[in-house]
Every structure is written in C-alpha cells, then in structure tokens.
Protein backbone atom coordinates (compact mmCIF):
# COMPACT_ATOMS: atom_id res chain seq x y z
CA MET A 1 -17.42 47.25 40.41
CA THR A 2 -16.74 44.81 37.57
CA ILE A 3 -14.73 42.55 39.87
CA ILE A 4 -17.39 42.54 42.60
CA ILE A 5 -20.08 41.68 40.04
CA THR A 6 -17.85 38.92 38.67
CA VAL A 7 -17.28 37.43 42.13
CA LEU A 8 -20.98 37.54 42.98
CA ALA A 9 -21.88 35.97 39.63
CA TYR A 10 -19.26 33.28 40.23
CA PHE A 11 -20.69 32.33 43.63
CA SER A 12 -24.22 32.48 42.21
CA ILE A 13 -23.27 29.75 39.74
CA LEU A 14 -21.86 27.67 42.60
CA TYR A 15 -25.08 28.16 44.57
CA LEU A 16 -27.19 27.06 41.60
CA LEU A 17 -25.03 23.95 41.24
CA SER A 18 -25.58 23.24 44.93
CA LEU A 19 -29.36 23.46 44.51
CA VAL A 20 -29.27 20.89 41.73
CA THR A 21 -26.94 18.48 43.54
CA SER A 22 -28.36 18.70 47.07
CA LYS A 23 -31.93 17.54 46.55
CA LYS A 24 -33.07 15.15 49.29
CA ALA A 25 -29.63 15.35 50.89
CA ASP A 26 -29.16 13.66 54.25
CA ASN A 27 -26.05 13.00 56.34
CA ASP A 28 -24.96 10.10 54.12
CA VAL A 29 -25.09 12.40 51.10
CA PHE A 30 -23.35 15.21 52.98
CA PHE A 31 -20.54 12.95 54.26
CA ARG A 32 -20.16 10.37 51.45
CA ALA A 33 -22.30 11.47 48.47
CA GLY A 34 -23.97 8.07 48.66
CA ARG A 35 -20.77 6.56 47.20
CA ARG A 36 -22.03 7.36 43.69
CA SER A 37 -19.65 10.06 42.42
CA PRO A 38 -18.28 9.64 38.86
CA TRP A 39 -14.51 9.25 39.19
CA PRO A 40 -13.52 11.55 36.24
CA MET A 41 -15.43 14.40 37.90
CA VAL A 42 -13.78 13.72 41.26
CA ALA A 43 -10.32 13.59 39.64
CA PHE A 44 -10.76 16.89 37.80
CA GLY A 45 -12.15 18.66 40.85
CA MET A 46 -9.30 17.44 43.05
CA ILE A 47 -6.80 19.41 40.94
CA GLY A 48 -8.37 22.68 42.09
CA ALA A 49 -8.84 21.44 45.64
CA SER A 50 -5.15 20.49 45.88
CA ILE A 51 -3.80 23.73 44.37
CA SER A 52 -4.77 26.39 46.89
CA GLY A 53 -5.08 30.10 46.27
CA VAL A 54 -1.72 30.53 48.00
CA SER A 55 -0.10 28.18 45.48
CA PHE A 56 -1.77 30.03 42.60
CA VAL A 57 -0.18 33.25 43.83
CA SER A 58 3.14 31.94 45.18
CA VAL A 59 4.37 29.27 42.75
CA PRO A 60 5.14 31.69 39.85
CA GLY A 61 7.43 33.68 42.15
CA MET A 62 9.45 30.59 43.11
CA VAL A 63 11.53 30.99 39.95
CA MET A 64 13.12 34.11 41.43
CA GLY A 65 14.87 32.17 44.19
CA GLN A 66 15.01 28.49 43.30
CA GLY A 67 14.23 28.20 39.61
CA MET A 68 11.96 25.29 38.77
CA HIS A 69 13.33 22.90 41.38
CA TYR A 70 9.80 22.61 42.79
CA ILE A 71 9.05 20.22 39.91
CA GLN A 72 11.31 17.68 41.64
CA THR A 73 8.82 17.65 44.52
CA CYS A 74 5.90 17.39 42.06
CA LEU A 75 7.49 14.29 40.51
CA GLY A 76 7.59 12.79 43.99
CA PHE A 77 3.88 13.58 44.29
CA ILE A 78 3.15 11.02 41.55
CA VAL A 79 4.81 8.24 43.55
CA GLY A 80 2.92 9.37 46.66
CA TYR A 81 -0.43 9.19 44.90
CA PHE A 82 0.29 5.64 43.74
CA ILE A 83 1.16 4.66 47.33
CA VAL A 84 -2.11 6.11 48.57
CA ALA A 85 -4.07 4.46 45.75
CA PHE A 86 -2.65 0.97 46.24
CA VAL A 87 -1.88 0.90 49.99
CA LEU A 88 -4.31 3.18 51.84
CA LEU A 89 -7.41 3.23 49.64
CA PRO A 90 -7.89 -0.58 49.81
CA VAL A 91 -7.92 -0.36 53.63
CA TYR A 92 -10.42 2.49 53.65
CA TYR A 93 -12.76 0.82 51.16
CA LYS A 94 -12.54 -2.57 52.85
CA MET A 95 -13.67 -1.01 56.13
CA ASN A 96 -16.31 1.14 54.36
CA LEU A 97 -15.13 4.22 56.27
CA THR A 98 -16.80 7.59 56.44
CA THR A 99 -13.76 9.18 58.06
CA ILE A 100 -10.30 7.67 57.73
CA TYR A 101 -9.54 8.10 61.45
CA THR A 102 -12.07 5.39 62.31
CA TYR A 103 -9.33 3.00 61.15
CA LEU A 104 -7.17 4.09 64.09
CA GLY A 105 -9.93 3.19 66.53
CA ARG A 106 -10.42 -0.26 65.08
CA ARG A 107 -6.71 -1.01 64.83
CA LEU A 108 -5.10 0.80 67.78
CA GLY A 109 -7.71 1.91 70.27
CA ARG A 110 -10.17 4.60 71.19
CA ARG A 111 -7.68 7.19 72.46
CA SER A 112 -5.53 6.73 69.35
CA TYR A 113 -8.65 7.33 67.28
CA LYS A 114 -9.56 10.52 69.12
CA THR A 115 -5.96 11.73 69.03
CA GLY A 116 -5.70 11.28 65.26
CA ALA A 117 -9.00 13.09 64.67
CA ALA A 118 -8.01 15.92 67.02
CA PHE A 119 -4.66 16.41 65.28
CA PHE A 120 -6.44 16.58 61.93
CA ILE A 121 -8.99 19.13 63.14
CA MET A 122 -6.29 21.32 64.69
CA SER A 123 -4.04 21.14 61.61
CA ASP A 124 -6.68 21.58 58.94
CA LEU A 125 -8.55 24.36 60.71
CA THR A 126 -5.49 26.52 61.25
CA GLY A 127 -3.82 25.62 57.93
CA ALA A 128 -6.89 26.29 55.80
CA ALA A 129 -7.61 29.51 57.71
CA VAL A 130 -4.10 30.80 57.02
CA LYS A 131 -4.36 29.92 53.32
CA PHE A 132 -7.68 31.70 53.06
CA TYR A 133 -6.35 34.67 55.04
CA VAL A 134 -3.65 35.23 52.42
CA VAL A 135 -6.29 35.27 49.68
CA CYS A 136 -8.63 37.52 51.69
CA ALA A 137 -5.75 39.94 52.28
CA ILE A 138 -5.04 40.12 48.53
CA LEU A 139 -8.70 40.72 47.66
CA GLN A 140 -8.97 43.30 50.45
CA ARG A 141 -5.88 45.17 49.28
CA PHE A 142 -6.61 45.24 45.55
CA VAL A 143 -10.41 45.07 45.40
CA ALA A 144 -12.37 45.74 48.60
CA GLU A 145 -10.40 48.82 49.75
CA ASP A 146 -11.20 50.62 46.51
CA TYR A 147 -14.87 50.47 47.50
CA GLY A 148 -14.35 51.22 51.18
CA VAL A 149 -15.29 47.70 52.33
CA PRO A 150 -13.56 46.91 55.67
CA PHE A 151 -11.78 43.61 56.27
CA PHE A 152 -14.20 42.53 59.00
CA VAL A 153 -16.94 42.63 56.34
CA THR A 154 -14.95 41.02 53.52
CA VAL A 155 -14.04 37.85 55.45
CA PRO A 156 -17.47 36.91 56.87
CA SER A 157 -19.03 37.71 53.48
CA LEU A 158 -16.72 35.32 51.65
CA MET A 159 -17.17 32.62 54.30
CA ALA A 160 -20.95 33.06 54.13
CA LEU A 161 -20.87 32.54 50.36
CA ILE A 162 -18.87 29.33 50.79
CA TRP A 163 -21.12 28.11 53.61
CA LEU A 164 -24.20 28.83 51.52
CA TYR A 165 -23.37 26.44 48.68
CA THR A 166 -21.96 23.67 50.90
CA ARG A 167 -24.55 23.64 53.71
CA ARG A 168 -26.98 21.13 52.19
CA GLY A 169 -25.23 18.81 49.78
CA GLY A 170 -21.83 18.76 51.44
CA ILE A 171 -19.37 16.49 49.68
CA LYS A 172 -21.81 15.60 46.88
CA THR A 173 -22.08 19.26 45.96
CA LEU A 174 -18.30 19.74 46.16
CA VAL A 175 -17.64 17.00 43.60
CA TRP A 176 -19.41 19.19 41.03
CA THR A 177 -18.58 22.70 42.26
CA ASP A 178 -14.87 21.88 42.59
CA SER A 179 -14.83 20.66 38.99
CA PHE A 180 -16.31 23.99 37.91
CA GLN A 181 -13.77 25.85 40.05
CA THR A 182 -10.88 23.84 38.63
CA LEU A 183 -12.07 24.74 35.13
CA CYS A 184 -12.21 28.43 36.06
CA MET A 185 -8.76 28.35 37.67
CA LEU A 186 -7.07 26.64 34.72
CA ALA A 187 -8.87 28.83 32.18
CA SER A 188 -7.78 31.96 34.05
CA LEU A 189 -4.19 30.72 34.25
CA VAL A 190 -4.00 29.92 30.53
CA ALA A 191 -5.60 33.25 29.60
CA ILE A 192 -3.10 35.18 31.75
CA VAL A 193 -0.19 33.29 30.13
CA VAL A 194 -1.51 34.12 26.64
CA ILE A 195 -1.83 37.81 27.50
CA VAL A 196 1.67 37.98 29.04
CA VAL A 197 3.15 36.24 25.97
CA ALA A 198 1.43 38.78 23.71
CA ARG A 199 2.72 41.64 25.89
CA LEU A 200 6.26 40.31 25.35
CA GLY A 201 5.70 40.36 21.58
CA LEU A 202 6.18 36.59 21.24
CA ASP A 203 4.15 33.72 19.86
CA MET A 204 3.64 30.57 21.94
CA ARG A 205 6.52 28.65 20.34
CA GLN A 206 8.93 31.54 20.96
CA ALA A 207 7.66 31.84 24.53
CA VAL A 208 8.31 28.15 25.23
CA GLU A 209 11.82 28.48 23.79
CA ALA A 210 12.49 31.61 25.84
CA VAL A 211 11.39 29.90 29.06
CA ALA A 212 13.47 26.81 28.27
CA ALA A 213 16.55 28.96 27.60
CA SER A 214 16.21 30.95 30.82
CA PRO A 215 18.60 30.11 33.69
CA MET A 216 15.52 30.14 35.91
CA SER A 217 14.16 27.03 34.14
CA ASP A 218 16.69 24.72 35.79
CA ILE A 219 14.75 21.78 37.26
CA PHE A 220 17.13 19.10 38.49
CA GLU A 221 19.88 19.42 41.06
CA PHE A 222 21.96 16.40 42.04
CA GLY A 223 24.43 18.35 44.17
CA GLY A 224 25.33 17.78 47.81
CA TRP A 225 22.87 16.31 50.27
CA MET A 226 23.09 19.48 52.36
CA SER A 227 21.37 21.47 49.61
CA PRO A 228 17.66 22.05 50.29
CA THR A 229 16.95 21.58 46.55
CA ASN A 230 18.76 18.25 46.21
CA PHE A 231 16.72 16.04 43.84
CA TRP A 232 16.43 12.99 46.08
CA LYS A 233 15.49 15.04 49.13
CA GLN A 234 12.73 16.82 47.27
CA PHE A 235 11.56 13.73 45.36
CA VAL A 236 11.27 11.49 48.43
CA SER A 237 9.79 14.33 50.48
CA GLY A 238 7.21 14.94 47.74
CA ALA A 239 6.08 11.31 47.95
CA PHE A 240 5.71 11.46 51.73
CA ILE A 241 3.97 14.84 51.60
CA VAL A 242 1.24 13.27 49.48
CA VAL A 243 1.00 10.17 51.68
CA VAL A 244 0.55 12.32 54.80
CA MET A 245 -1.26 15.43 53.58
CA THR A 246 -3.53 13.55 51.19
CA GLY A 247 -3.69 9.89 52.23
CA LEU A 248 -3.93 10.66 55.96
CA ASN A 249 -6.00 13.83 55.60
CA GLN A 250 -9.79 13.60 55.74
CA ASN A 251 -10.05 16.88 53.85
CA MET A 252 -8.26 15.43 50.81
CA MET A 253 -9.59 11.88 51.05
CA GLN A 254 -13.28 12.54 51.56
CA LYS A 255 -14.08 13.16 47.89
CA ASN A 256 -11.95 10.18 46.83
CA LEU A 257 -14.03 7.96 49.13
CA THR A 258 -17.24 8.95 47.31
CA CYS A 259 -16.36 6.90 44.20
CA LYS A 260 -18.51 3.83 43.59
CA THR A 261 -15.74 1.23 43.82
CA LEU A 262 -12.12 0.90 44.88
CA GLY A 263 -11.10 0.54 41.23
CA GLU A 264 -12.71 3.85 40.30
CA ALA A 265 -11.15 5.56 43.31
CA ARG A 266 -7.72 4.32 42.21
CA LYS A 267 -8.23 5.63 38.68
CA ASP A 268 -9.35 8.97 40.10
CA MET A 269 -6.30 9.35 42.33
CA CYS A 270 -3.69 8.23 39.82
CA THR A 271 -5.19 10.46 37.11
CA TYR A 272 -5.11 13.71 39.04
CA GLY A 273 -1.73 12.76 40.53
CA PHE A 274 -0.17 13.13 37.08
CA ALA A 275 -1.81 16.54 36.58
CA PHE A 276 0.37 18.39 39.08
CA VAL A 277 3.51 18.38 36.94
CA PRO A 278 2.01 20.16 33.89
CA VAL A 279 -0.08 22.57 36.02
CA ASN A 280 2.90 23.61 38.13
CA LEU A 281 5.12 23.82 35.05
CA LEU A 282 2.60 26.28 33.63
CA LEU A 283 2.64 28.33 36.86
CA LEU A 284 6.44 28.36 36.97
CA GLY A 285 6.65 29.16 33.27
CA LEU A 286 4.36 32.12 33.89
CA GLY A 287 6.79 33.25 36.59
CA VAL A 288 9.70 33.21 34.12
CA LEU A 289 7.66 35.19 31.59
CA LEU A 290 6.73 37.79 34.23
CA VAL A 291 10.39 38.25 35.19
CA MET A 292 11.20 38.74 31.50
CA LEU A 293 8.36 41.27 31.19
CA ALA A 294 9.65 43.18 34.21
CA GLY A 295 13.09 43.36 32.59
CA LYS A 296 11.63 44.54 29.29
CA GLU A 297 9.61 47.29 30.97
CA GLY A 298 12.37 48.28 33.40
CA THR A 299 10.27 47.35 36.41
CA SER A 300 11.94 46.39 39.68
CA LEU A 301 11.13 42.91 40.91
CA PRO A 302 9.37 42.70 44.29
CA ALA A 303 11.44 41.83 47.35
CA ASP A 304 8.89 39.16 48.25
CA SER A 305 8.66 36.53 45.51
CA ASP A 306 5.03 35.84 46.46
CA GLU A 307 4.12 39.26 45.06
CA LEU A 308 5.45 38.66 41.52
CA LEU A 309 2.14 37.65 39.95
CA THR A 310 0.16 40.02 42.17
CA MET A 311 2.35 42.97 41.13
CA PHE A 312 1.31 42.57 37.50
CA ALA A 313 -2.13 40.96 37.62
CA ALA A 314 -3.86 42.65 40.54
CA THR A 315 -2.76 46.22 39.84
CA GLY A 316 -4.21 46.53 36.32
CA ARG A 317 -0.78 46.84 34.68
CA LEU A 318 -1.73 44.13 32.19
CA GLY A 319 -5.22 45.48 31.66
CA GLY A 320 -8.52 45.12 33.45
CA ILE A 321 -9.26 41.73 31.92
CA VAL A 322 -6.13 40.25 33.56
CA THR A 323 -7.18 41.66 36.93
CA VAL A 324 -10.58 40.00 36.58
CA LEU A 325 -8.97 36.72 35.49
CA PHE A 326 -6.55 36.88 38.42
CA VAL A 327 -9.35 37.40 40.91
CA ILE A 328 -11.35 34.52 39.41
CA GLY A 329 -8.30 32.25 39.52
CA VAL A 330 -7.48 33.13 43.12
CA VAL A 331 -11.08 32.82 44.29
CA ALA A 332 -11.53 29.50 42.45
CA ALA A 333 -8.34 28.02 43.88
CA SER A 334 -9.00 29.22 47.42
CA ALA A 335 -12.73 28.44 47.56
CA SER A 336 -12.19 24.87 46.32
CA THR A 337 -9.71 24.40 49.17
CA VAL A 338 -11.75 26.01 51.93
CA ASP A 339 -15.07 24.39 50.99
CA SER A 340 -13.44 20.95 51.17
CA SER A 341 -11.89 21.79 54.52
CA LEU A 342 -15.18 23.13 55.92
CA THR A 343 -16.99 19.93 54.92
CA ALA A 344 -14.23 17.61 56.17
CA LEU A 345 -14.01 19.37 59.54
CA THR A 346 -17.77 19.12 59.96
CA THR A 347 -17.63 15.43 59.09
CA SER A 348 -14.75 14.63 61.42
CA TYR A 349 -16.26 16.50 64.36
CA CYS A 350 -19.68 14.85 63.99
CA VAL A 351 -18.40 11.34 63.26
CA ASP A 352 -15.09 11.16 65.14
CA ILE A 353 -15.43 13.51 68.10
CA ARG A 354 -19.17 13.42 68.84
CA GLU A 355 -19.77 9.98 67.25
CA ARG A 356 -23.20 11.02 65.97
CA PRO A 357 -23.02 10.42 62.19
CA HIS A 358 -26.81 10.39 61.70
CA ASP A 359 -27.68 13.55 63.64
CA GLU A 360 -28.59 16.07 60.92
CA ARG A 361 -29.34 18.83 63.40
CA LEU A 362 -25.86 18.51 64.92
CA ARG A 363 -24.28 18.48 61.47
CA ARG A 364 -26.01 21.74 60.49
CA ARG A 365 -24.95 23.44 63.74
CA VAL A 366 -21.36 22.25 63.46
CA HIS A 367 -21.15 23.33 59.81
CA ILE A 368 -22.15 26.90 60.52
CA GLY A 369 -19.99 26.89 63.66
CA MET A 370 -16.91 25.84 61.70
CA ALA A 371 -17.54 28.61 59.17
CA ALA A 372 -17.73 31.14 62.02
CA VAL A 373 -14.48 29.82 63.54
CA PHE A 374 -12.77 30.14 60.15
CA ALA A 375 -13.84 33.78 59.95
CA LEU A 376 -12.65 34.51 63.50
CA PHE A 377 -9.25 32.90 62.86
CA ILE A 378 -8.75 34.92 59.68
CA MET A 379 -9.67 38.21 61.34
CA ALA A 380 -7.36 37.36 64.26
CA PHE A 381 -4.44 36.99 61.82
CA ARG A 382 -5.31 40.41 60.44
CA TYR A 383 -5.41 41.89 63.92
CA PHE A 384 -1.93 40.62 64.81
CA ASN A 385 -0.78 41.71 61.34
CA SER A 386 2.43 39.71 61.69
CA THR A 387 3.90 37.33 59.13
CA SER A 388 5.74 35.66 62.00
CA VAL A 389 2.39 34.55 63.43
CA ILE A 390 1.39 33.09 60.06
CA ASP A 391 4.76 31.38 59.67
CA ALA A 392 4.37 29.91 63.16
CA VAL A 393 0.96 28.47 62.23
CA TYR A 394 2.37 26.92 59.06
CA ILE A 395 5.21 25.39 61.08
CA LEU A 396 2.69 24.07 63.61
CA CYS A 397 0.68 22.41 60.82
CA SER A 398 3.77 20.81 59.31
CA TYR A 399 4.73 19.37 62.70
CA THR A 400 1.28 18.02 63.52
CA TYR A 401 1.14 15.80 60.43
CA GLY A 402 4.11 13.75 61.71
CA PRO A 403 2.12 12.01 64.48
CA LEU A 404 -0.58 11.08 61.95
CA LEU A 405 2.10 9.48 59.79
CA GLY A 406 3.42 7.56 62.81
CA LEU A 407 -0.05 6.38 63.88
CA PHE A 408 -1.06 5.05 60.47
CA ALA A 409 2.38 3.59 59.71
CA PHE A 410 2.38 1.70 63.00
CA GLY A 411 -1.08 0.34 62.32
CA LEU A 412 -0.36 -0.69 58.73
CA LEU A 413 3.23 -1.93 59.00
CA THR A 414 3.06 -3.79 62.32
CA LYS A 415 0.69 -6.18 64.07
CA ARG A 416 1.60 -5.02 67.56
CA LYS A 417 -0.88 -3.68 70.09
CA VAL A 418 -0.21 -0.30 71.65
CA ASN A 419 -0.53 1.28 75.05
CA ASP A 420 -3.57 3.26 73.92
CA ASN A 421 -3.57 5.47 77.03
CA LEU A 422 -0.02 6.59 76.24
CA VAL A 423 -0.61 7.48 72.58
CA PRO A 424 -1.86 11.09 73.10
CA TYR A 425 1.27 11.93 75.10
CA VAL A 426 3.54 10.37 72.47
CA CYS A 427 1.83 12.36 69.71
CA VAL A 428 2.30 15.63 71.61
CA ALA A 429 5.92 14.88 72.57
CA SER A 430 7.02 13.89 69.05
CA PRO A 431 6.65 17.36 67.42
CA LEU A 432 8.36 18.97 70.41
CA LEU A 433 11.32 16.61 70.05
CA CYS A 434 11.47 17.37 66.33
CA LEU A 435 11.54 21.08 67.09
CA ALA A 436 14.50 20.52 69.42
CA ILE A 437 16.30 18.33 66.86
CA ASP A 438 15.77 20.93 64.13
CA TRP A 439 17.23 23.69 66.36
CA ILE A 440 20.26 21.60 67.40
CA MET A 441 21.08 20.50 63.84
CA SER A 442 20.75 24.02 62.52
CA ARG A 443 22.83 25.58 65.27
CA TYR A 444 25.61 23.01 65.66
CA ALA A 445 25.74 21.06 62.39
CA GLY A 446 24.66 23.70 59.90
CA TYR A 447 22.00 21.36 58.53
CA GLU A 448 18.63 22.86 57.64
CA PHE A 449 15.78 20.36 57.74
CA GLY A 450 13.23 20.55 54.96
CA TYR A 451 10.27 18.31 54.28
CA GLU A 452 12.29 15.33 55.55
CA LEU A 453 11.57 16.44 59.13
CA LEU A 454 8.13 14.95 58.56
CA LEU A 455 9.72 11.49 58.34
CA VAL A 456 11.69 12.04 61.54
CA ASN A 457 8.50 13.12 63.28
CA GLY A 458 6.69 9.97 62.15
CA LEU A 459 9.56 7.70 63.22
CA ILE A 460 9.68 9.24 66.70
CA THR A 461 5.93 8.70 67.06
CA MET A 462 6.29 5.05 66.01
CA ALA A 463 9.15 4.55 68.45
CA GLY A 464 7.06 5.94 71.31
CA MET A 465 4.22 3.59 70.43
CA LEU A 466 6.50 0.58 70.84
CA VAL A 467 6.19 0.93 74.61
CA LYS A 468 4.70 -2.39 75.67
CA PRO A 469 0.95 -2.24 76.42
CA LYS A 470 -0.18 -3.18 79.91
CA CYS A 471 -2.46 -6.17 80.57
CA GLY A 472 -6.04 -5.16 81.09
CA GLN A 473 -5.75 -2.09 78.87
CA ILE A 474 -9.07 -0.92 77.49
CA VAL A 475 -9.37 -0.94 73.69
CA TRP A 476 -12.17 -0.02 71.32
CA ALA A 477 -14.09 -3.13 70.31
CA LYS A 478 -15.11 -4.06 66.77
CA GLY A 479 -18.60 -4.91 65.65
CA ARG A 480 -21.98 -3.25 65.39
CA LYS A 481 -21.76 -1.74 68.87
CA ALA A 482 -18.21 -0.49 68.45
CA LYS A 483 -19.12 2.97 69.69
CA ARG A 484 -20.41 1.82 73.05
CA LYS A 485 -18.78 -1.49 73.86
CA CYS A 486 -15.27 -1.98 75.27
CA ILE A 487 -13.28 -5.15 75.97
CA LYS A 488 -10.17 -5.96 77.97
CA ILE A 489 -7.02 -7.53 76.57
CA LYS A 490 -6.54 -11.00 77.95
CA LYS A 491 -3.46 -11.64 80.06
C-alpha cells in the first residue's frame, strides 16, 4: 500500500504542476510553449527524458556482460549533441519550425515531408510503447499483483495519469514536470547507491576504489574492428545515435525548440549532453556494487542482466525504502519519456499529417487517442507474452531511423532536387536492404553489425534519392500558402 500511495502522491504533484503551467494554454503553448522556456530548466529535464525507465533498469546489469564499455558510446553522445547544436538547431530556428519534419517539405517536397513524419510516428509510437511496457511489467510483477490488480487495469491507469497532466499545457508543462522527474530519478539513484554501499560495509571512498579495482570497470577497448565493443565503433555510433534519435526526432527536439533563442537552445543541448557520462557511470557503478553484494551474500546472479537491479531493489531484499525508491526512479524515468512521446506524436499528427496546427479540438482528440493507442499496444505485448515480439519491435525502430538520417543528410549536405514521388519507396526499401545485408554479413563473413548499420541505412537512402527528378514534378511551394499551393519545376 505504501508504494501505491507513493505513486499516486507522485502523480498528484505532477498534476498540480500542470495546473500552474497550463493556464490560458492554446495550441502554440501546447506545441511550442510560446518559445519562452528557460534553458537551464529544459536542459535538466532532458536528462530524465533521455534516460528511459528501461535504461534505469538495464544499464546497471550491463557490467555483467560487457563491463563499462557503454561509456564509450556515451562519450560519442557528447560529439553528437554538439553536431545537433551547431548544425541542426540553426536550421530549425531559422525556419521557426514547430515540427522538424516541416524542413523536409520545404527542402525536398511534400511526399518527403509526409514520409519523414510517418516514419517518426511509427518509430516513436512503437518504441515508446515497448519501453513503457517493460516498466509496466515490472510494476505489475512486483507491486500490482500483490494487491490483485490485473494488467489490463494497471496500464490504462498509468496512461490516464500521464494523459491527465499533459492534456492542457503540453510541452510547456513538460519542461517543468520533466525537471521534477529528473530530480526524483537522480535522487532515487543516489539514495540506492548509498544504501548498497552501506550494506557492503564500505564508506564512499572505499566503494569508489572497489569499483575502480573491479575487472568489470574496464571502459576502453581498442581491439580488433570485428569486436562489437571496439572504441571507435561505439564512439562514432554514439555520435550518430544522438544525431538521428535526438536531432531528427520530434520527441527529443520539441522541448529544445521551446527556448527563447538559438543561443539558449545551444547552451541547453550542450549542457545536458555532458550529463550522460556521469549519470551512466553512476548506474554502471551501482551494477558493480550489486554484483559484489551478491557475491558477499552468496546470491546467484540472474541469467538476464536486465534483472540485476530488479532482483535486489524490487523484492525488498534491501529494505522497503529501497523498493519505494526503485519504484519512484523507474516511474520518473519512464513517465518523463512517455509524456514527451505522447506530446510529440500529438504535435506531429496535427501539424504534419493533418496540417491543422491551430485546431484545438483536433489536438485534444488526437492527444487522448494517442494515449489510448499506447495502452492498446502495451496490452498487446502482454497478450503475446513473447520477448521475440519486443525484440522485433526494437529492431524495427532501429531500422526506421535510417531513412530519416538519409532524408535530412541529403537535404543539408546537397543542393540537388529529388524525385519526390519516389522518396516513400526508397525509404521503405532501404531498411529491407539493410536487413538483407545484415543477414548476409552475419552468415557468410561472420561480421555482426551494431549501431553502424544506422549509417549504412542512411547512405542507402541517400543513394536512392540521387535518382534524377523528372521535369514537371510537383513540389511543395514555400511562402504563406505553403500548405495549399503547389508549383511545377521548370524544364
């Protein structure tokens, strides 16, 4: 009962924050927060929005299989955030965009614009639903089942709570609620670390020395290129992951575009970009300490590394206070991810797909509809009860970001026109070709693609877009009547 009361109290605070921040909110406030958000608040909130509940649970267990090599990817993140801040943000601010996919329409054409928005909606809806499913499953297993609450009640209830505090203020509310959720997540993480250190009979200095001396604390690997943890592969991939999954993702960019000026947006992005290394070091360090605690207590480690933190924190083995802190941390990390996704999907559908950015009635209907679709997706995953289905969805999401990379790279790095009618087919064919390449390389060359497959996907998309456009092709016109007016390319 303590955990349920804690969760309800937590969401009550979020709802109160939404009441304060959503006064006189219209679509401009919901979509862009009036471009008045203070950049330090945006930067702090983005830490929680970027570290999902899945990461909160899974990263500590990474030390069991690959040590701390994940930090190599996090170092690449920093470079990626600087690329986004100094290459993509200036374009978005210059065009005064509400959604970043509008750029594709102005630069490449109407069908390219719709294709980019559709790929985002498909990727973010399924990806965020899977992430939230994992968290819902944990809460169901260790909290709700003890009180006889069925899964089909748990999921809609959590989604209703998230919908409730985002429905009026949208992105303006999220700037403040995500900052609160980041604070709760980090406080819970630090508190859990302190309790685990005390359980080991160490002080903080001894704990740091013990983690540093552990063979699991190995960070850098400069071995063969075939290794999936090779430094340069992970570092470069980390940079491109940020460029694609942040810079080309409306979900991650929407709050950054609420800053008053381009300069403030750059400071916001570069600031929180540096935060990922210490936060993930703390998560990985906690993983090392938990492995040490398991050895001290003679406890067998779980077969699934994702269950390392859950095994100790969610079962009450470290005391009831740790269970409460774990639930708060997971809920904070997951809610700050899902609320951003729910708002971004609503924005993209209203602005990009329906092209009705000022229709408040449509926005309210779409917002509640997206929340319902989230709940249905999550319950469908539970029904199939197969990790292979979840893995397939994650793979699908990773493949669908490649075409977005190709579309934006073509627009930014070249001045060529495209065969706009052909773009949707190129964007569908590119992931399928990558899937075939991955299978062939794995089967006949023994090479396992990692994050670098994203680059291959983007390059194939760009190559397909080099097909020469036909004379008379219809493109989306610029200007005040861009939504309704079309022109023809001169011969």
